Amino acid sequence: MVYNSCYLLPVRHAERPQAGLFFYWPMNGELPVKRAVVFVDGQNLFHAAREAFGYTYPNYDVSALAKQICV
C-alpha cells in the first residue's frame, strides 16, 4: 500500500479583502448630465396618501413625484 503524504496548511482566519473602490479624477465644474434613481414603495406611499388625504384609491403619479423630488 502506498500512502501519499499531503500536508495541509494550518487553519487560520482568512484575511479580509480590502473592501470598496475609490476612483478619482479631477473634475472641472459640474457634470453636463446629472442622473438619479428613485425607488418608490407604492404600498407605503398609498397608505401615507390615504392617511393624509383620505384617498381610497391609489391617486398619485410616481414619475411626477420623482421629478419633483429631484429638482
PDB file of N, CA and C in Angstrom:
ATOM      1  N   MET A   1       0.829  -1.165   0.000  1.00  0.00           N
ATOM      2  CA  MET A   1       0.000   0.000   0.000  1.00  0.00           C
ATOM      3  C   MET A   1       0.885   1.244   0.000  1.00  0.00           C
ATOM      4  N   VAL A   2       0.520   2.210  -0.852  1.00  0.00           N
ATOM      5  CA  VAL A   2       1.288   3.448  -0.944  1.00  0.00           C
ATOM      6  C   VAL A   2       0.443   4.573  -0.366  1.00  0.00           C
ATOM      7  N   TYR A   3       1.018   5.311   0.534  1.00  0.00           N
ATOM      8  CA  TYR A   3       0.335   6.460   1.131  1.00  0.00           C
ATOM      9  C   TYR A   3       0.921   7.730   0.570  1.00  0.00           C
ATOM     10  N   ASN A   4       0.066   8.628   0.178  1.00  0.00           N
ATOM     11  CA  ASN A   4       0.512   9.961  -0.225  1.00  0.00           C
ATOM     12  C   ASN A   4       0.621  10.813   1.018  1.00  0.00           C
ATOM     13  N   SER A   5       1.713  11.450   1.176  1.00  0.00           N
ATOM     14  CA  SER A   5       1.821  12.354   2.312  1.00  0.00           C
ATOM     15  C   SER A   5       1.442  13.750   1.832  1.00  0.00           C
ATOM     16  N   CYS A   6       0.376  14.246   2.359  1.00  0.00           N
ATOM     17  CA  CYS A   6      -0.128  15.554   1.967  1.00  0.00           C
ATOM     18  C   CYS A   6      -0.271  16.387   3.238  1.00  0.00           C
ATOM     19  N   TYR A   7       0.420  17.466   3.287  1.00  0.00           N
ATOM     20  CA  TYR A   7       0.372  18.327   4.454  1.00  0.00           C
ATOM     21  C   TYR A   7      -0.482  19.544   4.139  1.00  0.00           C
ATOM     22  N   LEU A   8      -1.456  19.791   4.969  1.00  0.00           N
ATOM     23  CA  LEU A   8      -2.301  20.959   4.808  1.00  0.00           C
ATOM     24  C   LEU A   8      -1.741  22.099   5.638  1.00  0.00           C
ATOM     25  N   LEU A   9      -1.968  23.292   5.152  1.00  0.00           N
ATOM     26  CA  LEU A   9      -1.547  24.460   5.915  1.00  0.00           C
ATOM     27  C   LEU A   9      -2.365  24.556   7.187  1.00  0.00           C
ATOM     28  N   PRO A  10      -1.804  25.126   8.241  1.00  0.00           N
ATOM     29  CA  PRO A  10      -2.577  25.261   9.473  1.00  0.00           C
ATOM     30  C   PRO A  10      -3.787  26.173   9.255  1.00  0.00           C
ATOM     31  N   VAL A  11      -4.828  25.900   9.988  1.00  0.00           N
ATOM     32  CA  VAL A  11      -6.059  26.672   9.854  1.00  0.00           C
ATOM     33  C   VAL A  11      -5.866  28.028  10.513  1.00  0.00           C
ATOM     34  N   ARG A  12      -6.196  29.069   9.780  1.00  0.00           N
ATOM     35  CA  ARG A  12      -6.122  30.445  10.299  1.00  0.00           C
ATOM     36  C   ARG A  12      -7.368  31.195   9.851  1.00  0.00           C
ATOM     37  N   HIS A  13      -7.535  32.336  10.431  1.00  0.00           N
ATOM     38  CA  HIS A  13      -8.611  33.199   9.964  1.00  0.00           C
ATOM     39  C   HIS A  13      -8.216  33.751   8.607  1.00  0.00           C
ATOM     40  N   ALA A  14      -9.154  33.744   7.703  1.00  0.00           N
ATOM     41  CA  ALA A  14      -8.876  34.279   6.371  1.00  0.00           C
ATOM     42  C   ALA A  14      -8.726  35.786   6.469  1.00  0.00           C
ATOM     43  N   GLU A  15      -7.788  36.306   5.749  1.00  0.00           N
ATOM     44  CA  GLU A  15      -7.622  37.753   5.735  1.00  0.00           C
ATOM     45  C   GLU A  15      -8.775  38.359   4.960  1.00  0.00           C
ATOM     46  N   ARG A  16      -9.281  39.430   5.489  1.00  0.00           N
ATOM     47  CA  ARG A  16     -10.388  40.105   4.816  1.00  0.00           C
ATOM     48  C   ARG A  16      -9.849  40.904   3.646  1.00  0.00           C
ATOM     49  N   PRO A  17     -10.466  40.771   2.502  1.00  0.00           N
ATOM     50  CA  PRO A  17     -10.021  41.577   1.369  1.00  0.00           C
ATOM     51  C   PRO A  17     -10.383  43.037   1.598  1.00  0.00           C
ATOM     52  N   GLN A  18      -9.638  43.909   0.986  1.00  0.00           N
ATOM     53  CA  GLN A  18      -9.953  45.324   1.108  1.00  0.00           C
ATOM     54  C   GLN A  18     -11.263  45.581   0.380  1.00  0.00           C
ATOM     55  N   ALA A  19     -12.175  46.200   1.066  1.00  0.00           N
ATOM     56  CA  ALA A  19     -13.500  46.419   0.503  1.00  0.00           C
ATOM     57  C   ALA A  19     -13.618  47.837  -0.028  1.00  0.00           C
ATOM     58  N   GLY A  20     -14.422  47.984  -1.032  1.00  0.00           N
ATOM     59  CA  GLY A  20     -14.718  49.300  -1.586  1.00  0.00           C
ATOM     60  C   GLY A  20     -13.746  49.706  -2.664  1.00  0.00           C
ATOM     61  N   LEU A  21     -14.240  50.500  -3.545  1.00  0.00           N
ATOM     62  CA  LEU A  21     -13.419  51.039  -4.622  1.00  0.00           C
ATOM     63  C   LEU A  21     -13.470  52.552  -4.561  1.00  0.00           C
ATOM     64  N   PHE A  22     -12.424  53.151  -4.960  1.00  0.00           N
ATOM     65  CA  PHE A  22     -12.385  54.607  -4.981  1.00  0.00           C
ATOM     66  C   PHE A  22     -11.730  55.041  -6.278  1.00  0.00           C
ATOM     67  N   PHE A  23     -12.474  55.759  -7.069  1.00  0.00           N
ATOM     68  CA  PHE A  23     -11.942  56.279  -8.323  1.00  0.00           C
ATOM     69  C   PHE A  23     -11.833  57.796  -8.196  1.00  0.00           C
ATOM     70  N   TYR A  24     -10.752  58.318  -8.603  1.00  0.00           N
ATOM     71  CA  TYR A  24     -10.551  59.762  -8.522  1.00  0.00           C
ATOM     72  C   TYR A  24     -10.147  60.283  -9.883  1.00  0.00           C
ATOM     73  N   TRP A  25     -10.795  61.301 -10.303  1.00  0.00           N
ATOM     74  CA  TRP A  25     -10.366  62.023 -11.479  1.00  0.00           C
ATOM     75  C   TRP A  25     -10.749  63.477 -11.253  1.00  0.00           C
ATOM     76  N   PRO A  26      -9.893  64.375 -11.648  1.00  0.00           N
ATOM     77  CA  PRO A  26     -10.213  65.784 -11.416  1.00  0.00           C
ATOM     78  C   PRO A  26     -11.411  66.205 -12.256  1.00  0.00           C
ATOM     79  N   MET A  27     -12.297  66.949 -11.615  1.00  0.00           N
ATOM     80  CA  MET A  27     -13.494  67.407 -12.320  1.00  0.00           C
ATOM     81  C   MET A  27     -13.448  68.915 -12.425  1.00  0.00           C
ATOM     82  N   ASN A  28     -13.722  69.380 -13.591  1.00  0.00           N
ATOM     83  CA  ASN A  28     -13.784  70.816 -13.819  1.00  0.00           C
ATOM     84  C   ASN A  28     -15.249  71.224 -13.865  1.00  0.00           C
ATOM     85  N   GLY A  29     -15.769  71.691 -12.755  1.00  0.00           N
ATOM     86  CA  GLY A  29     -17.165  72.104 -12.707  1.00  0.00           C
ATOM     87  C   GLY A  29     -18.100  70.926 -12.529  1.00  0.00           C
ATOM     88  N   GLU A  30     -19.350  71.140 -12.902  1.00  0.00           N
ATOM     89  CA  GLU A  30     -20.366  70.104 -12.747  1.00  0.00           C
ATOM     90  C   GLU A  30     -20.447  69.234 -13.988  1.00  0.00           C
ATOM     91  N   LEU A  31     -20.978  68.056 -13.799  1.00  0.00           N
ATOM     92  CA  LEU A  31     -21.193  67.167 -14.922  1.00  0.00           C
ATOM     93  C   LEU A  31     -22.305  67.716 -15.812  1.00  0.00           C
ATOM     94  N   PRO A  32     -22.223  67.512 -17.116  1.00  0.00           N
ATOM     95  CA  PRO A  32     -23.259  68.055 -18.001  1.00  0.00           C
ATOM     96  C   PRO A  32     -24.614  67.369 -17.808  1.00  0.00           C
ATOM     97  N   VAL A  33     -24.615  66.095 -17.483  1.00  0.00           N
ATOM     98  CA  VAL A  33     -25.863  65.363 -17.278  1.00  0.00           C
ATOM     99  C   VAL A  33     -25.845  64.775 -15.878  1.00  0.00           C
ATOM    100  N   LYS A  34     -26.840  65.124 -15.096  1.00  0.00           N
ATOM    101  CA  LYS A  34     -26.960  64.580 -13.749  1.00  0.00           C
ATOM    102  C   LYS A  34     -28.021  63.496 -13.786  1.00  0.00           C
ATOM    103  N   ARG A  35     -27.746  62.397 -13.102  1.00  0.00           N
ATOM    104  CA  ARG A  35     -28.669  61.268 -13.112  1.00  0.00           C
ATOM    105  C   ARG A  35     -29.040  60.889 -11.692  1.00  0.00           C
ATOM    106  N   ALA A  36     -30.240  60.390 -11.548  1.00  0.00           N
ATOM    107  CA  ALA A  36     -30.710  59.926 -10.245  1.00  0.00           C
ATOM    108  C   ALA A  36     -31.608  58.720 -10.460  1.00  0.00           C
ATOM    109  N   VAL A  37     -31.664  57.867  -9.464  1.00  0.00           N
ATOM    110  CA  VAL A  37     -32.552  56.712  -9.479  1.00  0.00           C
ATOM    111  C   VAL A  37     -33.486  56.859  -8.293  1.00  0.00           C
ATOM    112  N   VAL A  38     -34.776  56.698  -8.523  1.00  0.00           N
ATOM    113  CA  VAL A  38     -35.774  56.846  -7.473  1.00  0.00           C
ATOM    114  C   VAL A  38     -36.474  55.501  -7.280  1.00  0.00           C
ATOM    115  N   PHE A  39     -36.469  55.022  -6.064  1.00  0.00           N
ATOM    116  CA  PHE A  39     -37.186  53.801  -5.718  1.00  0.00           C
ATOM    117  C   PHE A  39     -38.401  54.195  -4.895  1.00  0.00           C
ATOM    118  N   VAL A  40     -39.571  53.720  -5.285  1.00  0.00           N
ATOM    119  CA  VAL A  40     -40.806  54.076  -4.595  1.00  0.00           C
ATOM    120  C   VAL A  40     -41.469  52.800  -4.094  1.00  0.00           C
ATOM    121  N   ASP A  41     -41.802  52.800  -2.824  1.00  0.00           N
ATOM    122  CA  ASP A  41     -42.580  51.710  -2.241  1.00  0.00           C
ATOM    123  C   ASP A  41     -44.040  52.119  -2.363  1.00  0.00           C
ATOM    124  N   GLY A  42     -44.707  51.587  -3.368  1.00  0.00           N
ATOM    125  CA  GLY A  42     -46.074  52.005  -3.683  1.00  0.00           C
ATOM    126  C   GLY A  42     -47.060  51.766  -2.569  1.00  0.00           C
ATOM    127  N   GLN A  43     -46.913  50.663  -1.844  1.00  0.00           N
ATOM    128  CA  GLN A  43     -47.865  50.368  -0.783  1.00  0.00           C
ATOM    129  C   GLN A  43     -47.740  51.377   0.353  1.00  0.00           C
ATOM    130  N   ASN A  44     -46.523  51.686   0.758  1.00  0.00           N
ATOM    131  CA  ASN A  44     -46.345  52.690   1.818  1.00  0.00           C
ATOM    132  C   ASN A  44     -46.788  54.068   1.346  1.00  0.00           C
ATOM    133  N   LEU A  45     -46.514  54.395   0.072  1.00  0.00           N
ATOM    134  CA  LEU A  45     -46.954  55.687  -0.459  1.00  0.00           C
ATOM    135  C   LEU A  45     -48.472  55.778  -0.454  1.00  0.00           C
ATOM    136  N   PHE A  46     -49.142  54.706  -0.862  1.00  0.00           N
ATOM    137  CA  PHE A  46     -50.608  54.709  -0.867  1.00  0.00           C
ATOM    138  C   PHE A  46     -51.164  54.877   0.536  1.00  0.00           C
ATOM    139  N   HIS A  47     -50.602  54.125   1.505  1.00  0.00           N
ATOM    140  CA  HIS A  47     -51.120  54.234   2.875  1.00  0.00           C
ATOM    141  C   HIS A  47     -50.861  55.614   3.465  1.00  0.00           C
ATOM    142  N   ALA A  48     -49.733  56.229   3.133  1.00  0.00           N
ATOM    143  CA  ALA A  48     -49.461  57.586   3.616  1.00  0.00           C
ATOM    144  C   ALA A  48     -50.419  58.586   2.970  1.00  0.00           C
ATOM    145  N   ALA A  49     -50.694  58.424   1.666  1.00  0.00           N
ATOM    146  CA  ALA A  49     -51.634  59.329   0.992  1.00  0.00           C
ATOM    147  C   ALA A  49     -53.052  59.117   1.524  1.00  0.00           C
ATOM    148  N   ARG A  50     -53.397  57.877   1.824  1.00  0.00           N
ATOM    149  CA  ARG A  50     -54.730  57.596   2.373  1.00  0.00           C
ATOM    150  C   ARG A  50     -54.889  58.237   3.743  1.00  0.00           C
ATOM    151  N   GLU A  51     -53.831  58.145   4.561  1.00  0.00           N
ATOM    152  CA  GLU A  51     -53.901  58.736   5.898  1.00  0.00           C
ATOM    153  C   GLU A  51     -53.923  60.261   5.841  1.00  0.00           C
ATOM    154  N   ALA A  52     -53.128  60.835   4.924  1.00  0.00           N
ATOM    155  CA  ALA A  52     -53.018  62.291   4.867  1.00  0.00           C
ATOM    156  C   ALA A  52     -54.204  62.941   4.151  1.00  0.00           C
ATOM    157  N   PHE A  53     -54.674  62.309   3.061  1.00  0.00           N
ATOM    158  CA  PHE A  53     -55.685  62.960   2.231  1.00  0.00           C
ATOM    159  C   PHE A  53     -56.999  62.200   2.139  1.00  0.00           C
ATOM    160  N   GLY A  54     -57.069  61.016   2.733  1.00  0.00           N
ATOM    161  CA  GLY A  54     -58.312  60.264   2.718  1.00  0.00           C
ATOM    162  C   GLY A  54     -58.594  59.550   1.412  1.00  0.00           C
ATOM    163  N   TYR A  55     -57.592  59.327   0.585  1.00  0.00           N
ATOM    164  CA  TYR A  55     -57.804  58.624  -0.687  1.00  0.00           C
ATOM    165  C   TYR A  55     -58.159  57.162  -0.422  1.00  0.00           C
ATOM    166  N   THR A  56     -59.068  56.634  -1.224  1.00  0.00           N
ATOM    167  CA  THR A  56     -59.415  55.222  -1.125  1.00  0.00           C
ATOM    168  C   THR A  56     -58.910  54.438  -2.330  1.00  0.00           C
ATOM    169  N   TYR A  57     -58.311  55.143  -3.273  1.00  0.00           N
ATOM    170  CA  TYR A  57     -57.776  54.533  -4.482  1.00  0.00           C
ATOM    171  C   TYR A  57     -56.410  55.161  -4.741  1.00  0.00           C
ATOM    172  N   PRO A  58     -55.419  54.384  -5.207  1.00  0.00           N
ATOM    173  CA  PRO A  58     -54.098  54.985  -5.473  1.00  0.00           C
ATOM    174  C   PRO A  58     -54.215  56.135  -6.471  1.00  0.00           C
ATOM    175  N   ASN A  59     -53.988  57.336  -6.006  1.00  0.00           N
ATOM    176  CA  ASN A  59     -54.174  58.533  -6.823  1.00  0.00           C
ATOM    177  C   ASN A  59     -52.900  59.354  -6.772  1.00  0.00           C
ATOM    178  N   TYR A  60     -51.841  58.851  -7.391  1.00  0.00           N
ATOM    179  CA  TYR A  60     -50.575  59.567  -7.416  1.00  0.00           C
ATOM    180  C   TYR A  60     -49.818  59.189  -8.676  1.00  0.00           C
ATOM    181  N   ASP A  61     -48.937  60.079  -9.091  1.00  0.00           N
ATOM    182  CA  ASP A  61     -48.114  59.872 -10.280  1.00  0.00           C
ATOM    183  C   ASP A  61     -46.664  59.738  -9.815  1.00  0.00           C
ATOM    184  N   VAL A  62     -46.124  58.528  -9.894  1.00  0.00           N
ATOM    185  CA  VAL A  62     -44.783  58.258  -9.383  1.00  0.00           C
ATOM    186  C   VAL A  62     -43.735  59.028 -10.181  1.00  0.00           C
ATOM    187  N   SER A  63     -43.913  59.122 -11.492  1.00  0.00           N
ATOM    188  CA  SER A  63     -42.956  59.847 -12.329  1.00  0.00           C
ATOM    189  C   SER A  63     -42.914  61.334 -11.965  1.00  0.00           C
ATOM    190  N   ALA A  64     -44.077  61.943 -11.782  1.00  0.00           N
ATOM    191  CA  ALA A  64     -44.133  63.355 -11.401  1.00  0.00           C
ATOM    192  C   ALA A  64     -43.543  63.560 -10.006  1.00  0.00           C
ATOM    193  N   LEU A  65     -43.796  62.634  -9.102  1.00  0.00           N
ATOM    194  CA  LEU A  65     -43.221  62.716  -7.747  1.00  0.00           C
ATOM    195  C   LEU A  65     -41.700  62.642  -7.802  1.00  0.00           C
ATOM    196  N   ALA A  66     -41.156  61.717  -8.593  1.00  0.00           N
ATOM    197  CA  ALA A  66     -39.703  61.581  -8.718  1.00  0.00           C
ATOM    198  C   ALA A  66     -39.080  62.840  -9.330  1.00  0.00           C
ATOM    199  N   LYS A  67     -39.718  63.407 -10.342  1.00  0.00           N
ATOM    200  CA  LYS A  67     -39.195  64.639 -10.954  1.00  0.00           C
ATOM    201  C   LYS A  67     -39.201  65.789  -9.959  1.00  0.00           C
ATOM    202  N   GLN A  68     -40.257  65.874  -9.160  1.00  0.00           N
ATOM    203  CA  GLN A  68     -40.357  66.957  -8.182  1.00  0.00           C
ATOM    204  C   GLN A  68     -39.300  66.810  -7.078  1.00  0.00           C
ATOM    205  N   ILE A  69     -39.032  65.577  -6.675  1.00  0.00           N
ATOM    206  CA  ILE A  69     -38.003  65.350  -5.645  1.00  0.00           C
ATOM    207  C   ILE A  69     -36.610  65.692  -6.169  1.00  0.00           C
ATOM    208  N   CYS A  70     -36.353  65.403  -7.438  1.00  0.00           N
ATOM    209  CA  CYS A  70     -35.019  65.588  -7.996  1.00  0.00           C
ATOM    210  C   CYS A  70     -34.740  66.987  -8.484  1.00  0.00           C
ATOM    211  N   VAL A  71     -35.688  67.878  -8.398  1.00  0.00           N
ATOM    212  CA  VAL A  71     -35.456  69.266  -8.859  1.00  0.00           C
ATOM    213  C   VAL A  71     -34.593  70.003  -7.887  1.00  0.00           C
TER     214      VAL A  71
END
